[in-house]
C-alpha atoms as a PDB file:
ATOM      1  CA  UNK A   1      37.744  14.772  13.867  1.00  0.00           C
ATOM      2  CA  UNK A   2      36.603  17.876  12.826  1.00  0.00           C
ATOM      3  CA  UNK A   3      37.681  17.551   8.873  1.00  0.00           C
ATOM      4  CA  UNK A   4      35.487  15.223   6.884  1.00  0.00           C
ATOM      5  CA  UNK A   5      37.450  12.987   4.012  1.00  0.00           C
ATOM      6  CA  UNK A   6      35.328  12.089   1.030  1.00  0.00           C
ATOM      7  CA  UNK A   7      35.775   9.274  -0.459  1.00  0.00           C
ATOM      8  CA  UNK A   8      34.517  11.559  -3.835  1.00  0.00           C
ATOM      9  CA  UNK A   9      33.926  15.251  -3.042  1.00  0.00           C
ATOM     10  CA  UNK A  10      30.916  16.779  -4.545  1.00  0.00           C
ATOM     11  CA  UNK A  11      31.740  18.846  -7.451  1.00  0.00           C
ATOM     12  CA  UNK A  12      29.679  21.329  -9.734  1.00  0.00           C
ATOM     13  CA  UNK A  13      30.988  22.786 -12.964  1.00  0.00           C
ATOM     14  CA  UNK A  14      33.016  26.089 -12.773  1.00  0.00           C
ATOM     15  CA  UNK A  15      30.728  27.186 -15.249  1.00  0.00           C
ATOM     16  CA  UNK A  16      27.750  26.988 -13.235  1.00  0.00           C
ATOM     17  CA  UNK A  17      25.455  25.706 -15.867  1.00  0.00           C
ATOM     18  CA  UNK A  18      24.074  23.376 -13.305  1.00  0.00           C
ATOM     19  CA  UNK A  19      21.781  26.215 -12.089  1.00  0.00           C
ATOM     20  CA  UNK A  20      20.211  26.813 -15.466  1.00  0.00           C
ATOM     21  CA  UNK A  21      18.647  23.135 -15.707  1.00  0.00           C
ATOM     22  CA  UNK A  22      17.277  23.524 -11.868  1.00  0.00           C
ATOM     23  CA  UNK A  23      15.594  26.354 -12.831  1.00  0.00           C
ATOM     24  CA  UNK A  24      14.292  24.766 -15.995  1.00  0.00           C
ATOM     25  CA  UNK A  25      13.294  21.994 -13.670  1.00  0.00           C
ATOM     26  CA  UNK A  26      11.200  24.507 -11.508  1.00  0.00           C
ATOM     27  CA  UNK A  27       9.519  26.324 -13.957  1.00  0.00           C
ATOM     28  CA  UNK A  28       8.454  23.370 -16.160  1.00  0.00           C
ATOM     29  CA  UNK A  29       7.043  21.500 -13.127  1.00  0.00           C
ATOM     30  CA  UNK A  30       9.523  18.461 -14.044  1.00  0.00           C
ATOM     31  CA  UNK A  31      10.590  17.865 -10.171  1.00  0.00           C
ATOM     32  CA  UNK A  32      10.017  14.132 -10.313  1.00  0.00           C
ATOM     33  CA  UNK A  33      12.938  11.964 -12.288  1.00  0.00           C
ATOM     34  CA  UNK A  34      11.185  12.233 -15.554  1.00  0.00           C
ATOM     35  CA  UNK A  35      10.361  15.124 -18.182  1.00  0.00           C
ATOM     36  CA  UNK A  36      12.791  16.415 -21.482  1.00  0.00           C
ATOM     37  CA  UNK A  37      15.773  16.149 -20.374  1.00  0.00           C
ATOM     38  CA  UNK A  38      15.839  12.534 -19.242  1.00  0.00           C
ATOM     39  CA  UNK A  39      14.353  11.418 -22.195  1.00  0.00           C
ATOM     40  CA  UNK A  40      16.570  13.790 -24.238  1.00  0.00           C
ATOM     41  CA  UNK A  41      19.248  11.924 -22.459  1.00  0.00           C
ATOM     42  CA  UNK A  42      17.911   8.150 -23.150  1.00  0.00           C
ATOM     43  CA  UNK A  43      17.700   9.131 -26.740  1.00  0.00           C
ATOM     44  CA  UNK A  44      21.055  10.546 -26.940  1.00  0.00           C
ATOM     45  CA  UNK A  45      22.623   7.806 -24.973  1.00  0.00           C
ATOM     46  CA  UNK A  46      20.703   5.009 -27.397  1.00  0.00           C
ATOM     47  CA  UNK A  47      21.830   6.658 -30.415  1.00  0.00           C
ATOM     48  CA  UNK A  48      25.499   7.066 -29.248  1.00  0.00           C
ATOM     49  CA  UNK A  49      25.796   3.154 -28.506  1.00  0.00           C
ATOM     50  CA  UNK A  50      23.625   2.097 -31.353  1.00  0.00           C
ATOM     51  CA  UNK A  51      20.805   0.449 -29.715  1.00  0.00           C
ATOM     52  CA  UNK A  52      16.604   1.158 -29.930  1.00  0.00           C
ATOM     53  CA  UNK A  53      16.308   2.029 -26.259  1.00  0.00           C
ATOM     54  CA  UNK A  54      18.094   3.213 -23.149  1.00  0.00           C
ATOM     55  CA  UNK A  55      16.529   3.815 -19.609  1.00  0.00           C
ATOM     56  CA  UNK A  56      18.021   6.071 -17.128  1.00  0.00           C
ATOM     57  CA  UNK A  57      17.097   4.779 -13.990  1.00  0.00           C
ATOM     58  CA  UNK A  58      16.467   6.705 -10.605  1.00  0.00           C
ATOM     59  CA  UNK A  59      19.373   5.022  -8.467  1.00  0.00           C
ATOM     60  CA  UNK A  60      22.156   2.751  -8.658  1.00  0.00           C
ATOM     61  CA  UNK A  61      20.197   0.411  -7.099  1.00  0.00           C
ATOM     62  CA  UNK A  62      17.630   0.163  -9.309  1.00  0.00           C
ATOM     63  CA  UNK A  63      20.442   0.074 -12.155  1.00  0.00           C
ATOM     64  CA  UNK A  64      21.734  -3.195 -10.184  1.00  0.00           C
ATOM     65  CA  UNK A  65      18.267  -4.809  -9.699  1.00  0.00           C
ATOM     66  CA  UNK A  66      17.577  -4.336 -13.539  1.00  0.00           C
ATOM     67  CA  UNK A  67      20.861  -5.420 -14.918  1.00  0.00           C
ATOM     68  CA  UNK A  68      20.474  -8.870 -12.512  1.00  0.00           C
ATOM     69  CA  UNK A  69      17.151  -9.419 -13.995  1.00  0.00           C
ATOM     70  CA  UNK A  70      18.514  -8.752 -17.660  1.00  0.00           C
ATOM     71  CA  UNK A  71      21.150 -11.381 -16.863  1.00  0.00           C
ATOM     72  CA  UNK A  72      19.067 -14.042 -15.530  1.00  0.00           C
ATOM     73  CA  UNK A  73      20.302 -13.972 -11.953  1.00  0.00           C
ATOM     74  CA  UNK A  74      17.782 -16.487 -10.172  1.00  0.00           C
ATOM     75  CA  UNK A  75      17.168 -18.045  -6.496  1.00  0.00           C
ATOM     76  CA  UNK A  76      20.324 -19.608  -5.129  1.00  0.00           C
ATOM     77  CA  UNK A  77      22.516 -17.933  -7.739  1.00  0.00           C
ATOM     78  CA  UNK A  78      25.821 -16.660  -6.504  1.00  0.00           C
ATOM     79  CA  UNK A  79      26.547 -12.953  -6.967  1.00  0.00           C
ATOM     80  CA  UNK A  80      30.122 -11.438  -5.882  1.00  0.00           C
ATOM     81  CA  UNK A  81      29.888  -8.264  -4.518  1.00  0.00           C
ATOM     82  CA  UNK A  82      31.924  -5.546  -3.461  1.00  0.00           C
ATOM     83  CA  UNK A  83      32.833  -5.365   0.314  1.00  0.00           C
ATOM     84  CA  UNK A  84      33.339  -1.695   0.426  1.00  0.00           C
ATOM     85  CA  UNK A  85      29.535  -0.954  -0.421  1.00  0.00           C
ATOM     86  CA  UNK A  86      26.553  -0.332   1.475  1.00  0.00           C
ATOM     87  CA  UNK A  87      22.842  -1.958   1.560  1.00  0.00           C
ATOM     88  CA  UNK A  88      21.969  -0.461  -1.922  1.00  0.00           C
ATOM     89  CA  UNK A  89      24.384  -2.131  -3.968  1.00  0.00           C
ATOM     90  CA  UNK A  90      23.473  -5.677  -2.487  1.00  0.00           C
ATOM     91  CA  UNK A  91      20.105  -5.518  -1.754  1.00  0.00           C
ATOM     92  CA  UNK A  92      19.102  -6.099  -5.328  1.00  0.00           C
ATOM     93  CA  UNK A  93      20.690  -9.402  -4.986  1.00  0.00           C
ATOM     94  CA  UNK A  94      18.734 -10.685  -2.519  1.00  0.00           C
ATOM     95  CA  UNK A  95      15.372  -9.114  -4.148  1.00  0.00           C
ATOM     96  CA  UNK A  96      16.511 -11.628  -6.944  1.00  0.00           C
ATOM     97  CA  UNK A  97      16.328 -14.168  -4.003  1.00  0.00           C
ATOM     98  CA  UNK A  98      20.197 -14.803  -4.681  1.00  0.00           C
ATOM     99  CA  UNK A  99      22.988 -15.532  -2.678  1.00  0.00           C
ATOM    100  CA  UNK A 100      25.460 -11.921  -2.411  1.00  0.00           C
ATOM    101  CA  UNK A 101      29.428 -13.431  -1.770  1.00  0.00           C
ATOM    102  CA  UNK A 102      31.288 -10.222  -0.285  1.00  0.00           C
ATOM    103  CA  UNK A 103      34.750 -10.108  -2.007  1.00  0.00           C
ATOM    104  CA  UNK A 104      37.492  -7.953   0.167  1.00  0.00           C
ATOM    105  CA  UNK A 105      38.831  -4.436  -1.353  1.00  0.00           C
ATOM    106  CA  UNK A 106      42.075  -4.235  -2.842  1.00  0.00           C
ATOM    107  CA  UNK A 107      44.419  -1.996  -0.462  1.00  0.00           C
ATOM    108  CA  UNK A 108      45.686   0.158  -3.201  1.00  0.00           C
ATOM    109  CA  UNK A 109      42.589   0.665  -5.037  1.00  0.00           C
ATOM    110  CA  UNK A 110      39.946  -0.063  -2.817  1.00  0.00           C
ATOM    111  CA  UNK A 111      38.302  -2.009  -5.823  1.00  0.00           C
ATOM    112  CA  UNK A 112      37.241  -5.639  -5.359  1.00  0.00           C
ATOM    113  CA  UNK A 113      40.419  -7.464  -4.993  1.00  0.00           C
ATOM    114  CA  UNK A 114      41.134  -9.339  -8.008  1.00  0.00           C
ATOM    115  CA  UNK A 115      43.229 -12.152  -6.269  1.00  0.00           C
ATOM    116  CA  UNK A 116      40.330 -12.786  -3.689  1.00  0.00           C
ATOM    117  CA  UNK A 117      37.748 -12.649  -6.657  1.00  0.00           C
ATOM    118  CA  UNK A 118      39.890 -15.554  -8.251  1.00  0.00           C
ATOM    119  CA  UNK A 119      39.821 -17.632  -4.956  1.00  0.00           C
ATOM    120  CA  UNK A 120      36.147 -17.237  -4.591  1.00  0.00           C
ATOM    121  CA  UNK A 121      35.688 -18.528  -8.315  1.00  0.00           C
ATOM    122  CA  UNK A 122      38.057 -21.637  -7.259  1.00  0.00           C
ATOM    123  CA  UNK A 123      36.312 -22.295  -4.320  1.00  0.00           C
ATOM    124  CA  UNK A 124      33.010 -22.285  -5.953  1.00  0.00           C
ATOM    125  CA  UNK A 125      33.648 -24.610  -8.861  1.00  0.00           C
END
């Protein structure tokens, strides 16, 4: 097959404003995942949703790990996980010594199949 099929094709704005932020990052030497833009984003997000603090994390894996910790997931807990995924989405479950249970995808949406999720809940309870 010579043509790639993207699940979500890459896209930059038609206006091309991303380049100004890339240049700004280099000009200010903020190449790491920190700096005024990240702090500004966190502050704006916190204000928008009405909380004191917000944290922009480096990856979805880090965000899932933080969410599991915040939810109190502990050793032996069962965490349902989409089967159409990659290791970065289920590794945080293992970091918490919890048990990932994979739920198959819905054929139409590619999301977690709600019928299979319901069956898993009934099987565990």
